[in-house]
Amino acid sequence: ISNARNLGMKYAKGDYIAFADQDDEVLENAYHTLLAG
């Protein structure tokens, strides 16, 4: 998983980076809340 995340960071284009796992739950307005910070 660490190797996969590193590859993702290599190809990411966003100003900000977030991570999620394949089988978890991202709650409503999660990234709006984080970006507001």
PDB file of all heavy atoms in Angstrom:
ATOM      1  N   ILE A   1       0.809  -1.218   0.000  1.00  0.00           N
ATOM      2  CA  ILE A   1       0.000   0.000   0.000  1.00  0.00           C
ATOM      3  C   ILE A   1       0.844   1.271   0.000  1.00  0.00           C
ATOM      4  O   ILE A   1       0.492   2.268  -0.646  1.00  0.00           O
ATOM      5  CB  ILE A   1      -0.971  -0.023   1.202  1.00  0.00           C
ATOM      6  CG1 ILE A   1      -2.025   1.071   1.060  1.00  0.00           C
ATOM      7  CG2 ILE A   1      -0.205   0.090   2.526  1.00  0.00           C
ATOM      8  CD1 ILE A   1      -3.152   0.940   2.058  1.00  0.00           C
ATOM      9  N   SER A   2       1.994   1.257   0.684  1.00  0.00           N
ATOM     10  CA  SER A   2       2.851   2.447   0.713  1.00  0.00           C
ATOM     11  C   SER A   2       3.418   2.736  -0.671  1.00  0.00           C
ATOM     12  O   SER A   2       3.459   3.894  -1.114  1.00  0.00           O
ATOM     13  CB  SER A   2       3.995   2.255   1.717  1.00  0.00           C
ATOM     14  OG  SER A   2       3.497   2.223   3.041  1.00  0.00           O
ATOM     15  N   ASN A   3       3.832   1.701  -1.352  1.00  0.00           N
ATOM     16  CA  ASN A   3       4.354   1.850  -2.708  1.00  0.00           C
ATOM     17  C   ASN A   3       3.287   2.412  -3.640  1.00  0.00           C
ATOM     18  O   ASN A   3       3.554   3.282  -4.477  1.00  0.00           O
ATOM     19  CB  ASN A   3       4.858   0.493  -3.197  1.00  0.00           C
ATOM     20  CG  ASN A   3       5.581   0.583  -4.521  1.00  0.00           C
ATOM     21  OD1 ASN A   3       4.959   0.576  -5.565  1.00  0.00           O
ATOM     22  ND2 ASN A   3       6.906   0.652  -4.472  1.00  0.00           N
ATOM     23  N   ALA A   4       2.048   1.923  -3.500  1.00  0.00           N
ATOM     24  CA  ALA A   4       0.944   2.404  -4.339  1.00  0.00           C
ATOM     25  C   ALA A   4       0.642   3.876  -4.059  1.00  0.00           C
ATOM     26  O   ALA A   4       0.405   4.667  -4.985  1.00  0.00           O
ATOM     27  CB  ALA A   4      -0.299   1.546  -4.094  1.00  0.00           C
ATOM     28  N   ARG A   5       0.655   4.274  -2.803  1.00  0.00           N
ATOM     29  CA  ARG A   5       0.405   5.678  -2.469  1.00  0.00           C
ATOM     30  C   ARG A   5       1.503   6.572  -3.016  1.00  0.00           C
ATOM     31  O   ARG A   5       1.244   7.682  -3.503  1.00  0.00           O
ATOM     32  CB  ARG A   5       0.312   5.833  -0.946  1.00  0.00           C
ATOM     33  CG  ARG A   5      -0.978   5.293  -0.353  1.00  0.00           C
ATOM     34  CD  ARG A   5      -0.908   5.246   1.156  1.00  0.00           C
ATOM     35  NE  ARG A   5      -2.146   4.800   1.777  1.00  0.00           N
ATOM     36  CZ  ARG A   5      -2.250   4.346   3.013  1.00  0.00           C
ATOM     37  NH1 ARG A   5      -1.155   4.278   3.776  1.00  0.00           N
ATOM     38  NH2 ARG A   5      -3.416   3.966   3.503  1.00  0.00           N
ATOM     39  N   ASN A   6       2.750   6.112  -2.957  1.00  0.00           N
ATOM     40  CA  ASN A   6       3.855   6.903  -3.507  1.00  0.00           C
ATOM     41  C   ASN A   6       3.697   7.113  -4.996  1.00  0.00           C
ATOM     42  O   ASN A   6       3.976   8.206  -5.513  1.00  0.00           O
ATOM     43  CB  ASN A   6       5.188   6.215  -3.205  1.00  0.00           C
ATOM     44  CG  ASN A   6       5.570   6.282  -1.741  1.00  0.00           C
ATOM     45  OD1 ASN A   6       5.088   7.138  -0.994  1.00  0.00           O
ATOM     46  ND2 ASN A   6       6.426   5.372  -1.306  1.00  0.00           N
ATOM     47  N   LEU A   7       3.248   6.082  -5.706  1.00  0.00           N
ATOM     48  CA  LEU A   7       3.017   6.226  -7.148  1.00  0.00           C
ATOM     49  C   LEU A   7       1.904   7.234  -7.395  1.00  0.00           C
ATOM     50  O   LEU A   7       1.992   8.053  -8.327  1.00  0.00           O
ATOM     51  CB  LEU A   7       2.651   4.870  -7.762  1.00  0.00           C
ATOM     52  CG  LEU A   7       2.438   4.878  -9.290  1.00  0.00           C
ATOM     53  CD1 LEU A   7       3.751   5.195  -9.997  1.00  0.00           C
ATOM     54  CD2 LEU A   7       1.896   3.537  -9.770  1.00  0.00           C
ATOM     55  N   GLY A   8       0.867   7.183  -6.575  1.00  0.00           N
ATOM     56  CA  GLY A   8      -0.213   8.146  -6.720  1.00  0.00           C
ATOM     57  C   GLY A   8       0.267   9.571  -6.541  1.00  0.00           C
ATOM     58  O   GLY A   8      -0.127  10.480  -7.289  1.00  0.00           O
ATOM     59  N   MET A   9       1.130   9.808  -5.546  1.00  0.00           N
ATOM     60  CA  MET A   9       1.664  11.157  -5.337  1.00  0.00           C
ATOM     61  C   MET A   9       2.504  11.609  -6.529  1.00  0.00           C
ATOM     62  O   MET A   9       2.539  12.794  -6.865  1.00  0.00           O
ATOM     63  CB  MET A   9       2.484  11.204  -4.050  1.00  0.00           C
ATOM     64  CG  MET A   9       1.645  11.103  -2.784  1.00  0.00           C
ATOM     65  SD  MET A   9       2.566  11.501  -1.273  1.00  0.00           S
ATOM     66  CE  MET A   9       3.715  10.118  -1.201  1.00  0.00           C
ATOM     67  N   LYS A  10       3.169  10.674  -7.155  1.00  0.00           N
ATOM     68  CA  LYS A  10       4.001  11.008  -8.317  1.00  0.00           C
ATOM     69  C   LYS A  10       3.164  11.562  -9.455  1.00  0.00           C
ATOM     70  O   LYS A  10       3.584  12.502 -10.164  1.00  0.00           O
ATOM     71  CB  LYS A  10       4.759   9.759  -8.772  1.00  0.00           C
ATOM     72  CG  LYS A  10       5.606   9.963 -10.017  1.00  0.00           C
ATOM     73  CD  LYS A  10       6.311   8.669 -10.417  1.00  0.00           C
ATOM     74  CE  LYS A  10       7.108   8.857 -11.699  1.00  0.00           C
ATOM     75  NZ  LYS A  10       7.796   7.602 -12.103  1.00  0.00           N
ATOM     76  N   TYR A  11       1.957  11.022  -9.645  1.00  0.00           N
ATOM     77  CA  TYR A  11       1.117  11.418 -10.774  1.00  0.00           C
ATOM     78  C   TYR A  11       0.032  12.425 -10.402  1.00  0.00           C
ATOM     79  O   TYR A  11      -0.713  12.889 -11.256  1.00  0.00           O
ATOM     80  CB  TYR A  11       0.470  10.181 -11.402  1.00  0.00           C
ATOM     81  CG  TYR A  11       1.458   9.303 -12.140  1.00  0.00           C
ATOM     82  CD1 TYR A  11       1.822   8.057 -11.646  1.00  0.00           C
ATOM     83  CD2 TYR A  11       2.056   9.739 -13.324  1.00  0.00           C
ATOM     84  CE1 TYR A  11       2.738   7.257 -12.309  1.00  0.00           C
ATOM     85  CE2 TYR A  11       2.979   8.957 -13.993  1.00  0.00           C
ATOM     86  CZ  TYR A  11       3.317   7.715 -13.480  1.00  0.00           C
ATOM     87  OH  TYR A  11       4.236   6.932 -14.140  1.00  0.00           O
ATOM     88  N   ALA A  12      -0.076  12.783  -9.135  1.00  0.00           N
ATOM     89  CA  ALA A  12      -1.114  13.722  -8.706  1.00  0.00           C
ATOM     90  C   ALA A  12      -0.866  15.111  -9.300  1.00  0.00           C
ATOM     91  O   ALA A  12       0.266  15.568  -9.390  1.00  0.00           O
ATOM     92  CB  ALA A  12      -1.149  13.795  -7.185  1.00  0.00           C
ATOM     93  N   LYS A  13      -1.956  15.780  -9.673  1.00  0.00           N
ATOM     94  CA  LYS A  13      -1.871  17.112 -10.258  1.00  0.00           C
ATOM     95  C   LYS A  13      -2.455  18.190  -9.357  1.00  0.00           C
ATOM     96  O   LYS A  13      -2.296  19.382  -9.630  1.00  0.00           O
ATOM     97  CB  LYS A  13      -2.617  17.138 -11.599  1.00  0.00           C
ATOM     98  CG  LYS A  13      -2.063  16.181 -12.651  1.00  0.00           C
ATOM     99  CD  LYS A  13      -2.911  16.228 -13.911  1.00  0.00           C
ATOM    100  CE  LYS A  13      -2.388  15.268 -14.976  1.00  0.00           C
ATOM    101  NZ  LYS A  13      -3.241  15.289 -16.197  1.00  0.00           N
ATOM    102  N   GLY A  14      -3.163  17.795  -8.303  1.00  0.00           N
ATOM    103  CA  GLY A  14      -3.859  18.759  -7.463  1.00  0.00           C
ATOM    104  C   GLY A  14      -2.936  19.568  -6.574  1.00  0.00           C
ATOM    105  O   GLY A  14      -1.836  19.130  -6.228  1.00  0.00           O
ATOM    106  N   ASP A  15      -3.396  20.746  -6.200  1.00  0.00           N
ATOM    107  CA  ASP A  15      -2.656  21.560  -5.235  1.00  0.00           C
ATOM    108  C   ASP A  15      -2.646  20.897  -3.864  1.00  0.00           C
ATOM    109  O   ASP A  15      -1.712  21.078  -3.086  1.00  0.00           O
ATOM    110  CB  ASP A  15      -3.301  22.946  -5.110  1.00  0.00           C
ATOM    111  CG  ASP A  15      -3.249  23.735  -6.414  1.00  0.00           C
ATOM    112  OD1 ASP A  15      -2.266  23.567  -7.170  1.00  0.00           O
ATOM    113  OD2 ASP A  15      -4.180  24.512  -6.672  1.00  0.00           O
ATOM    114  N   TYR A  16      -3.716  20.145  -3.583  1.00  0.00           N
ATOM    115  CA  TYR A  16      -3.857  19.446  -2.309  1.00  0.00           C
ATOM    116  C   TYR A  16      -4.050  17.957  -2.563  1.00  0.00           C
ATOM    117  O   TYR A  16      -4.632  17.554  -3.577  1.00  0.00           O
ATOM    118  CB  TYR A  16      -5.040  20.000  -1.514  1.00  0.00           C
ATOM    119  CG  TYR A  16      -4.937  21.479  -1.244  1.00  0.00           C
ATOM    120  CD1 TYR A  16      -5.643  22.403  -2.015  1.00  0.00           C
ATOM    121  CD2 TYR A  16      -4.112  21.966  -0.232  1.00  0.00           C
ATOM    122  CE1 TYR A  16      -5.540  23.763  -1.780  1.00  0.00           C
ATOM    123  CE2 TYR A  16      -3.995  23.330   0.012  1.00  0.00           C
ATOM    124  CZ  TYR A  16      -4.712  24.225  -0.773  1.00  0.00           C
ATOM    125  OH  TYR A  16      -4.584  25.571  -0.532  1.00  0.00           O
ATOM    126  N   ILE A  17      -3.561  17.146  -1.624  1.00  0.00           N
ATOM    127  CA  ILE A  17      -3.620  15.692  -1.774  1.00  0.00           C
ATOM    128  C   ILE A  17      -4.330  15.088  -0.573  1.00  0.00           C
ATOM    129  O   ILE A  17      -4.066  15.448   0.576  1.00  0.00           O
ATOM    130  CB  ILE A  17      -2.206  15.098  -1.905  1.00  0.00           C
ATOM    131  CG1 ILE A  17      -1.597  15.492  -3.259  1.00  0.00           C
ATOM    132  CG2 ILE A  17      -2.230  13.573  -1.765  1.00  0.00           C
ATOM    133  CD1 ILE A  17      -0.181  14.980  -3.471  1.00  0.00           C
ATOM    134  N   ALA A  18      -5.250  14.154  -0.873  1.00  0.00           N
ATOM    135  CA  ALA A  18      -5.935  13.389   0.169  1.00  0.00           C
ATOM    136  C   ALA A  18      -5.786  11.906  -0.155  1.00  0.00           C
ATOM    137  O   ALA A  18      -5.487  11.526  -1.295  1.00  0.00           O
ATOM    138  CB  ALA A  18      -7.413  13.776   0.240  1.00  0.00           C
ATOM    139  N   PHE A  19      -6.012  11.072   0.861  1.00  0.00           N
ATOM    140  CA  PHE A  19      -5.914   9.628   0.698  1.00  0.00           C
ATOM    141  C   PHE A  19      -7.192   8.968   1.204  1.00  0.00           C
ATOM    142  O   PHE A  19      -7.822   9.433   2.156  1.00  0.00           O
ATOM    143  CB  PHE A  19      -4.712   9.071   1.473  1.00  0.00           C
ATOM    144  CG  PHE A  19      -3.389   9.626   1.039  1.00  0.00           C
ATOM    145  CD1 PHE A  19      -2.839  10.740   1.684  1.00  0.00           C
ATOM    146  CD2 PHE A  19      -2.688   9.067  -0.015  1.00  0.00           C
ATOM    147  CE1 PHE A  19      -1.624  11.264   1.297  1.00  0.00           C
ATOM    148  CE2 PHE A  19      -1.461   9.596  -0.420  1.00  0.00           C
ATOM    149  CZ  PHE A  19      -0.928  10.686   0.235  1.00  0.00           C
ATOM    150  N   ALA A  20      -7.560   7.875   0.550  1.00  0.00           N
ATOM    151  CA  ALA A  20      -8.690   7.062   1.016  1.00  0.00           C
ATOM    152  C   ALA A  20      -8.338   5.605   0.779  1.00  0.00           C
ATOM    153  O   ALA A  20      -7.490   5.283  -0.064  1.00  0.00           O
ATOM    154  CB  ALA A  20      -9.978   7.440   0.283  1.00  0.00           C
ATOM    155  N   ASP A  21      -8.981   4.719   1.521  1.00  0.00           N
ATOM    156  CA  ASP A  21      -8.823   3.282   1.304  1.00  0.00           C
ATOM    157  C   ASP A  21     -10.008   2.766   0.504  1.00  0.00           C
ATOM    158  O   ASP A  21     -11.090   3.356   0.498  1.00  0.00           O
ATOM    159  CB  ASP A  21      -8.710   2.536   2.635  1.00  0.00           C
ATOM    160  CG  ASP A  21      -7.355   2.726   3.292  1.00  0.00           C
ATOM    161  OD1 ASP A  21      -6.460   3.294   2.627  1.00  0.00           O
ATOM    162  OD2 ASP A  21      -7.188   2.332   4.453  1.00  0.00           O
ATOM    163  N   GLN A  22      -9.819   1.630  -0.134  1.00  0.00           N
ATOM    164  CA  GLN A  22     -10.796   1.136  -1.095  1.00  0.00           C
ATOM    165  C   GLN A  22     -12.129   0.718  -0.485  1.00  0.00           C
ATOM    166  O   GLN A  22     -13.147   0.707  -1.181  1.00  0.00           O
ATOM    167  CB  GLN A  22     -10.211  -0.055  -1.851  1.00  0.00           C
ATOM    168  CG  GLN A  22      -9.929  -1.264  -0.959  1.00  0.00           C
ATOM    169  CD  GLN A  22      -9.242  -2.397  -1.681  1.00  0.00           C
ATOM    170  OE1 GLN A  22      -8.749  -2.239  -2.794  1.00  0.00           O
ATOM    171  NE2 GLN A  22      -9.209  -3.574  -1.056  1.00  0.00           N
ATOM    172  N   ASP A  23     -12.164   0.399   0.798  1.00  0.00           N
ATOM    173  CA  ASP A  23     -13.370  -0.179   1.393  1.00  0.00           C
ATOM    174  C   ASP A  23     -13.894   0.608   2.590  1.00  0.00           C
ATOM    175  O   ASP A  23     -14.671   0.087   3.389  1.00  0.00           O
ATOM    176  CB  ASP A  23     -13.120  -1.618   1.819  1.00  0.00           C
ATOM    177  CG  ASP A  23     -11.910  -1.763   2.734  1.00  0.00           C
ATOM    178  OD1 ASP A  23     -11.197  -0.765   2.926  1.00  0.00           O
ATOM    179  OD2 ASP A  23     -11.683  -2.873   3.241  1.00  0.00           O
ATOM    180  N   ASP A  24     -13.482   1.882   2.716  1.00  0.00           N
ATOM    181  CA  ASP A  24     -13.962   2.716   3.810  1.00  0.00           C
ATOM    182  C   ASP A  24     -15.046   3.667   3.315  1.00  0.00           C
ATOM    183  O   ASP A  24     -15.424   3.653   2.145  1.00  0.00           O
ATOM    184  CB  ASP A  24     -12.799   3.498   4.433  1.00  0.00           C
ATOM    185  CG  ASP A  24     -11.851   2.605   5.206  1.00  0.00           C
ATOM    186  OD1 ASP A  24     -12.286   1.530   5.655  1.00  0.00           O
ATOM    187  OD2 ASP A  24     -10.677   2.974   5.353  1.00  0.00           O
ATOM    188  N   GLU A  25     -15.508   4.521   4.210  1.00  0.00           N
ATOM    189  CA  GLU A  25     -16.589   5.438   3.872  1.00  0.00           C
ATOM    190  C   GLU A  25     -16.105   6.885   3.982  1.00  0.00           C
ATOM    191  O   GLU A  25     -15.687   7.333   5.052  1.00  0.00           O
ATOM    192  CB  GLU A  25     -17.782   5.214   4.808  1.00  0.00           C
ATOM    193  CG  GLU A  25     -18.988   6.084   4.483  1.00  0.00           C
ATOM    194  CD  GLU A  25     -20.180   5.808   5.386  1.00  0.00           C
ATOM    195  OE1 GLU A  25     -20.096   4.862   6.205  1.00  0.00           O
ATOM    196  OE2 GLU A  25     -21.179   6.542   5.281  1.00  0.00           O
ATOM    197  N   VAL A  26     -16.172   7.592   2.859  1.00  0.00           N
ATOM    198  CA  VAL A  26     -15.877   9.023   2.844  1.00  0.00           C
ATOM    199  C   VAL A  26     -17.184   9.747   3.110  1.00  0.00           C
ATOM    200  O   VAL A  26     -18.135   9.624   2.340  1.00  0.00           O
ATOM    201  CB  VAL A  26     -15.275   9.456   1.501  1.00  0.00           C
ATOM    202  CG1 VAL A  26     -14.970  10.952   1.522  1.00  0.00           C
ATOM    203  CG2 VAL A  26     -14.005   8.667   1.197  1.00  0.00           C
ATOM    204  N   LEU A  27     -17.247  10.490   4.207  1.00  0.00           N
ATOM    205  CA  LEU A  27     -18.504  11.092   4.629  1.00  0.00           C
ATOM    206  C   LEU A  27     -18.858  12.325   3.799  1.00  0.00           C
ATOM    207  O   LEU A  27     -18.008  12.912   3.124  1.00  0.00           O
ATOM    208  CB  LEU A  27     -18.430  11.438   6.118  1.00  0.00           C
ATOM    209  CG  LEU A  27     -18.115  10.252   7.038  1.00  0.00           C
ATOM    210  CD1 LEU A  27     -18.111  10.691   8.497  1.00  0.00           C
ATOM    211  CD2 LEU A  27     -19.118   9.110   6.846  1.00  0.00           C
ATOM    212  N   GLU A  28     -20.109  12.699   3.857  1.00  0.00           N
ATOM    213  CA  GLU A  28     -20.633  13.791   3.040  1.00  0.00           C
ATOM    214  C   GLU A  28     -19.891  15.095   3.326  1.00  0.00           C
ATOM    215  O   GLU A  28     -19.615  15.439   4.474  1.00  0.00           O
ATOM    216  CB  GLU A  28     -22.122  13.966   3.331  1.00  0.00           C
ATOM    217  CG  GLU A  28     -22.817  14.962   2.421  1.00  0.00           C
ATOM    218  CD  GLU A  28     -24.309  15.041   2.683  1.00  0.00           C
ATOM    219  OE1 GLU A  28     -24.798  14.304   3.567  1.00  0.00           O
ATOM    220  OE2 GLU A  28     -24.983  15.829   1.997  1.00  0.00           O
ATOM    221  N   ASN A  29     -19.563  15.797   2.228  1.00  0.00           N
ATOM    222  CA  ASN A  29     -18.869  17.098   2.300  1.00  0.00           C
ATOM    223  C   ASN A  29     -17.494  17.018   2.962  1.00  0.00           C
ATOM    224  O   ASN A  29     -16.982  18.024   3.467  1.00  0.00           O
ATOM    225  CB  ASN A  29     -19.723  18.128   3.044  1.00  0.00           C
ATOM    226  CG  ASN A  29     -20.980  18.491   2.285  1.00  0.00           C
ATOM    227  OD1 ASN A  29     -20.961  18.591   1.047  1.00  0.00           O
ATOM    228  ND2 ASN A  29     -22.081  18.668   2.985  1.00  0.00           N
ATOM    229  N   ALA A  30     -16.893  15.832   2.945  1.00  0.00           N
ATOM    230  CA  ALA A  30     -15.595  15.654   3.602  1.00  0.00           C
ATOM    231  C   ALA A  30     -14.541  16.600   3.041  1.00  0.00           C
ATOM    232  O   ALA A  30     -13.839  17.306   3.800  1.00  0.00           O
ATOM    233  CB  ALA A  30     -15.137  14.209   3.456  1.00  0.00           C
ATOM    234  N   TYR A  31     -14.413  16.647   1.726  1.00  0.00           N
ATOM    235  CA  TYR A  31     -13.325  17.426   1.140  1.00  0.00           C
ATOM    236  C   TYR A  31     -13.640  18.914   1.115  1.00  0.00           C
ATOM    237  O   TYR A  31     -12.723  19.744   1.144  1.00  0.00           O
ATOM    238  CB  TYR A  31     -12.985  16.872  -0.239  1.00  0.00           C
ATOM    239  CG  TYR A  31     -12.524  15.435  -0.145  1.00  0.00           C
ATOM    240  CD1 TYR A  31     -13.217  14.402  -0.775  1.00  0.00           C
ATOM    241  CD2 TYR A  31     -11.415  15.099   0.627  1.00  0.00           C
ATOM    242  CE1 TYR A  31     -12.811  13.081  -0.653  1.00  0.00           C
ATOM    243  CE2 TYR A  31     -11.007  13.780   0.764  1.00  0.00           C
ATOM    244  CZ  TYR A  31     -11.706  12.777   0.118  1.00  0.00           C
ATOM    245  OH  TYR A  31     -11.304  11.472   0.259  1.00  0.00           O
ATOM    246  N   HIS A  32     -14.899  19.263   1.084  1.00  0.00           N
ATOM    247  CA  HIS A  32     -15.272  20.666   1.246  1.00  0.00           C
ATOM    248  C   HIS A  32     -14.847  21.146   2.635  1.00  0.00           C
ATOM    249  O   HIS A  32     -14.306  22.255   2.788  1.00  0.00           O
ATOM    250  CB  HIS A  32     -16.784  20.833   1.061  1.00  0.00           C
ATOM    251  CG  HIS A  32     -17.265  22.227   1.315  1.00  0.00           C
ATOM    252  ND1 HIS A  32     -17.132  23.238   0.386  1.00  0.00           N
ATOM    253  CD2 HIS A  32     -17.849  22.793   2.408  1.00  0.00           C
ATOM    254  CE1 HIS A  32     -17.620  24.360   0.888  1.00  0.00           C
ATOM    255  NE2 HIS A  32     -18.063  24.125   2.106  1.00  0.00           N
ATOM    256  N   THR A  33     -15.090  20.312   3.648  1.00  0.00           N
ATOM    257  CA  THR A  33     -14.708  20.645   5.026  1.00  0.00           C
ATOM    258  C   THR A  33     -13.195  20.813   5.150  1.00  0.00           C
ATOM    259  O   THR A  33     -12.705  21.767   5.757  1.00  0.00           O
ATOM    260  CB  THR A  33     -15.188  19.544   5.989  1.00  0.00           C
ATOM    261  OG1 THR A  33     -16.613  19.457   5.940  1.00  0.00           O
ATOM    262  CG2 THR A  33     -14.750  19.829   7.418  1.00  0.00           C
ATOM    263  N   LEU A  34     -12.443  19.880   4.574  1.00  0.00           N
ATOM    264  CA  LEU A  34     -10.984  19.940   4.679  1.00  0.00           C
ATOM    265  C   LEU A  34     -10.410  21.128   3.908  1.00  0.00           C
ATOM    266  O   LEU A  34      -9.518  21.830   4.400  1.00  0.00           O
ATOM    267  CB  LEU A  34     -10.384  18.628   4.165  1.00  0.00           C
ATOM    268  CG  LEU A  34     -10.581  17.409   5.070  1.00  0.00           C
ATOM    269  CD1 LEU A  34     -10.273  16.120   4.326  1.00  0.00           C
ATOM    270  CD2 LEU A  34      -9.713  17.510   6.324  1.00  0.00           C
ATOM    271  N   LEU A  35     -10.918  21.362   2.714  1.00  0.00           N
ATOM    272  CA  LEU A  35     -10.417  22.485   1.923  1.00  0.00           C
ATOM    273  C   LEU A  35     -10.706  23.825   2.599  1.00  0.00           C
ATOM    274  O   LEU A  35      -9.908  24.762   2.495  1.00  0.00           O
ATOM    275  CB  LEU A  35     -11.034  22.460   0.521  1.00  0.00           C
ATOM    276  CG  LEU A  35     -10.456  21.419  -0.444  1.00  0.00           C
ATOM    277  CD1 LEU A  35     -11.353  21.267  -1.663  1.00  0.00           C
ATOM    278  CD2 LEU A  35      -9.042  21.805  -0.865  1.00  0.00           C
ATOM    279  N   ALA A  36     -11.830  23.897   3.301  1.00  0.00           N
ATOM    280  CA  ALA A  36     -12.169  25.142   4.001  1.00  0.00           C
ATOM    281  C   ALA A  36     -11.133  25.482   5.068  1.00  0.00           C
ATOM    282  O   ALA A  36     -10.949  26.649   5.423  1.00  0.00           O
ATOM    283  CB  ALA A  36     -13.558  25.025   4.631  1.00  0.00           C
ATOM    284  N   GLY A  37     -10.441  24.477   5.565  1.00  0.00           N
ATOM    285  CA  GLY A  37      -9.396  24.718   6.564  1.00  0.00           C
ATOM    286  C   GLY A  37      -8.212  25.483   6.010  1.00  0.00           C
ATOM    287  O   GLY A  37      -7.430  26.074   6.770  1.00  0.00           O
TER     288      GLY A  37
END
